[in-house]
């Protein structure tokens, strides 16, 4: 991303990718595919998996060891969502250049 002039997004993108991949591993328990699109003014990331279940941000206790992935995506991403596919779904987020 630095080569594309989007270095300021690298830390946030890395965190959010790790959260979406962790969610797919823990909840979908299927193979997954990571898609990253780097454009002039934005980065879009998709995590495809084989589960049809739609994720939702949950509010857990501050003492809970899990449950903050989508809350982070919601808070730090400029946009995010989920889309059904023929064989599951994908969850995506977008970061825009400031």
C-alpha atoms as a PDB file:
ATOM      1  CA  UNK A   1       0.000   0.000   0.000  1.00  0.00           C
ATOM      2  CA  UNK A   2       2.922   2.316   0.617  1.00  0.00           C
ATOM      3  CA  UNK A   3       3.865   2.032  -3.052  1.00  0.00           C
ATOM      4  CA  UNK A   4       0.371   3.286  -3.925  1.00  0.00           C
ATOM      5  CA  UNK A   5       0.739   6.306  -1.626  1.00  0.00           C
ATOM      6  CA  UNK A   6      -1.643   4.876   0.969  1.00  0.00           C
ATOM      7  CA  UNK A   7       0.870   4.171   3.759  1.00  0.00           C
ATOM      8  CA  UNK A   8      -1.271   5.968   6.350  1.00  0.00           C
ATOM      9  CA  UNK A   9      -3.876   3.199   5.978  1.00  0.00           C
ATOM     10  CA  UNK A  10      -1.514   0.259   6.467  1.00  0.00           C
ATOM     11  CA  UNK A  11      -1.892  -0.195  10.237  1.00  0.00           C
ATOM     12  CA  UNK A  12      -5.676   0.131  10.181  1.00  0.00           C
ATOM     13  CA  UNK A  13      -6.011  -2.158   7.162  1.00  0.00           C
ATOM     14  CA  UNK A  14      -3.789  -4.775   8.801  1.00  0.00           C
ATOM     15  CA  UNK A  15      -5.841  -4.727  12.009  1.00  0.00           C
ATOM     16  CA  UNK A  16      -9.177  -4.965  10.198  1.00  0.00           C
ATOM     17  CA  UNK A  17      -7.986  -7.739   7.869  1.00  0.00           C
ATOM     18  CA  UNK A  18      -6.853  -9.748  10.888  1.00  0.00           C
ATOM     19  CA  UNK A  19     -10.244  -9.271  12.533  1.00  0.00           C
ATOM     20  CA  UNK A  20     -12.235 -10.382   9.466  1.00  0.00           C
ATOM     21  CA  UNK A  21      -9.970 -13.365   8.823  1.00  0.00           C
ATOM     22  CA  UNK A  22     -10.167 -14.388  12.493  1.00  0.00           C
ATOM     23  CA  UNK A  23     -13.975 -14.169  12.330  1.00  0.00           C
ATOM     24  CA  UNK A  24     -14.051 -16.355   9.223  1.00  0.00           C
ATOM     25  CA  UNK A  25     -11.762 -18.931  10.812  1.00  0.00           C
ATOM     26  CA  UNK A  26     -13.674 -19.012  14.112  1.00  0.00           C
ATOM     27  CA  UNK A  27     -17.244 -18.795  12.845  1.00  0.00           C
ATOM     28  CA  UNK A  28     -17.415 -19.957   9.227  1.00  0.00           C
ATOM     29  CA  UNK A  29     -14.880 -22.774   9.617  1.00  0.00           C
ATOM     30  CA  UNK A  30     -14.543 -23.051   5.849  1.00  0.00           C
ATOM     31  CA  UNK A  31     -11.878 -22.167   3.349  1.00  0.00           C
ATOM     32  CA  UNK A  32     -11.583 -18.441   2.853  1.00  0.00           C
ATOM     33  CA  UNK A  33     -10.357 -16.081   0.172  1.00  0.00           C
ATOM     34  CA  UNK A  34      -8.909 -12.636   0.837  1.00  0.00           C
ATOM     35  CA  UNK A  35      -9.357  -9.986  -1.875  1.00  0.00           C
ATOM     36  CA  UNK A  36      -7.600  -6.600  -1.633  1.00  0.00           C
ATOM     37  CA  UNK A  37      -8.295  -3.798  -4.095  1.00  0.00           C
ATOM     38  CA  UNK A  38      -6.005  -0.781  -3.962  1.00  0.00           C
ATOM     39  CA  UNK A  39      -7.194   2.292  -5.817  1.00  0.00           C
ATOM     40  CA  UNK A  40      -5.940   5.880  -5.911  1.00  0.00           C
ATOM     41  CA  UNK A  41      -8.119   7.060  -3.039  1.00  0.00           C
ATOM     42  CA  UNK A  42      -9.207   3.908  -1.230  1.00  0.00           C
ATOM     43  CA  UNK A  43      -8.523   0.330  -0.210  1.00  0.00           C
ATOM     44  CA  UNK A  44     -11.281  -2.257  -0.279  1.00  0.00           C
ATOM     45  CA  UNK A  45     -10.845  -5.638   1.401  1.00  0.00           C
ATOM     46  CA  UNK A  46     -13.155  -8.657   1.102  1.00  0.00           C
ATOM     47  CA  UNK A  47     -13.030 -11.911   3.057  1.00  0.00           C
ATOM     48  CA  UNK A  48     -15.020 -14.640   1.294  1.00  0.00           C
ATOM     49  CA  UNK A  49     -16.059 -17.804   3.138  1.00  0.00           C
ATOM     50  CA  UNK A  50     -18.422 -20.731   2.698  1.00  0.00           C
ATOM     51  CA  UNK A  51     -20.910 -19.849   5.436  1.00  0.00           C
ATOM     52  CA  UNK A  52     -24.237 -18.219   4.608  1.00  0.00           C
ATOM     53  CA  UNK A  53     -24.576 -16.807   8.144  1.00  0.00           C
ATOM     54  CA  UNK A  54     -24.431 -13.019   8.277  1.00  0.00           C
ATOM     55  CA  UNK A  55     -22.153 -11.512  10.896  1.00  0.00           C
ATOM     56  CA  UNK A  56     -23.282  -8.699  13.142  1.00  0.00           C
ATOM     57  CA  UNK A  57     -21.444  -6.440  15.537  1.00  0.00           C
ATOM     58  CA  UNK A  58     -22.129  -7.474  19.117  1.00  0.00           C
ATOM     59  CA  UNK A  59     -21.577  -5.550  22.321  1.00  0.00           C
ATOM     60  CA  UNK A  60     -19.746  -7.709  24.835  1.00  0.00           C
ATOM     61  CA  UNK A  61     -18.587  -6.937  28.340  1.00  0.00           C
ATOM     62  CA  UNK A  62     -15.273  -5.118  28.637  1.00  0.00           C
ATOM     63  CA  UNK A  63     -14.046  -8.263  30.405  1.00  0.00           C
ATOM     64  CA  UNK A  64     -14.843 -10.535  27.458  1.00  0.00           C
ATOM     65  CA  UNK A  65     -11.858 -11.971  25.590  1.00  0.00           C
ATOM     66  CA  UNK A  66     -13.569 -11.906  22.195  1.00  0.00           C
ATOM     67  CA  UNK A  67     -16.312 -10.170  20.299  1.00  0.00           C
ATOM     68  CA  UNK A  68     -14.745  -6.910  19.200  1.00  0.00           C
ATOM     69  CA  UNK A  69     -13.848  -7.682  15.582  1.00  0.00           C
ATOM     70  CA  UNK A  70     -16.824  -6.140  13.816  1.00  0.00           C
ATOM     71  CA  UNK A  71     -17.023  -3.349  16.379  1.00  0.00           C
ATOM     72  CA  UNK A  72     -13.487  -2.399  15.306  1.00  0.00           C
ATOM     73  CA  UNK A  73     -14.384  -2.699  11.625  1.00  0.00           C
ATOM     74  CA  UNK A  74     -17.420  -0.494  12.230  1.00  0.00           C
ATOM     75  CA  UNK A  75     -15.417   2.090  14.185  1.00  0.00           C
ATOM     76  CA  UNK A  76     -12.277   2.272  12.034  1.00  0.00           C
ATOM     77  CA  UNK A  77     -13.549   1.526   8.537  1.00  0.00           C
ATOM     78  CA  UNK A  78     -15.159   4.162   6.354  1.00  0.00           C
ATOM     79  CA  UNK A  79     -17.729   1.625   5.196  1.00  0.00           C
ATOM     80  CA  UNK A  80     -18.334  -2.089   5.659  1.00  0.00           C
ATOM     81  CA  UNK A  81     -20.921  -4.714   4.903  1.00  0.00           C
ATOM     82  CA  UNK A  82     -21.661  -8.267   3.947  1.00  0.00           C
ATOM     83  CA  UNK A  83     -22.890  -9.739   0.677  1.00  0.00           C
ATOM     84  CA  UNK A  84     -24.286 -13.216   0.002  1.00  0.00           C
ATOM     85  CA  UNK A  85     -22.669 -15.344  -2.692  1.00  0.00           C
ATOM     86  CA  UNK A  86     -23.661 -18.580  -4.386  1.00  0.00           C
ATOM     87  CA  UNK A  87     -21.509 -20.583  -1.986  1.00  0.00           C
ATOM     88  CA  UNK A  88     -21.486 -18.434   1.166  1.00  0.00           C
ATOM     89  CA  UNK A  89     -20.815 -14.743   1.673  1.00  0.00           C
ATOM     90  CA  UNK A  90     -18.163 -12.099   1.854  1.00  0.00           C
ATOM     91  CA  UNK A  91     -17.582  -9.422   4.448  1.00  0.00           C
ATOM     92  CA  UNK A  92     -15.897  -6.260   3.235  1.00  0.00           C
ATOM     93  CA  UNK A  93     -14.570  -2.956   4.479  1.00  0.00           C
ATOM     94  CA  UNK A  94     -13.302   0.169   2.818  1.00  0.00           C
ATOM     95  CA  UNK A  95     -10.714   2.699   3.945  1.00  0.00           C
ATOM     96  CA  UNK A  96     -10.609   6.033   2.153  1.00  0.00           C
ATOM     97  CA  UNK A  97      -7.716   8.434   1.824  1.00  0.00           C
ATOM     98  CA  UNK A  98      -8.044  11.417   4.167  1.00  0.00           C
END
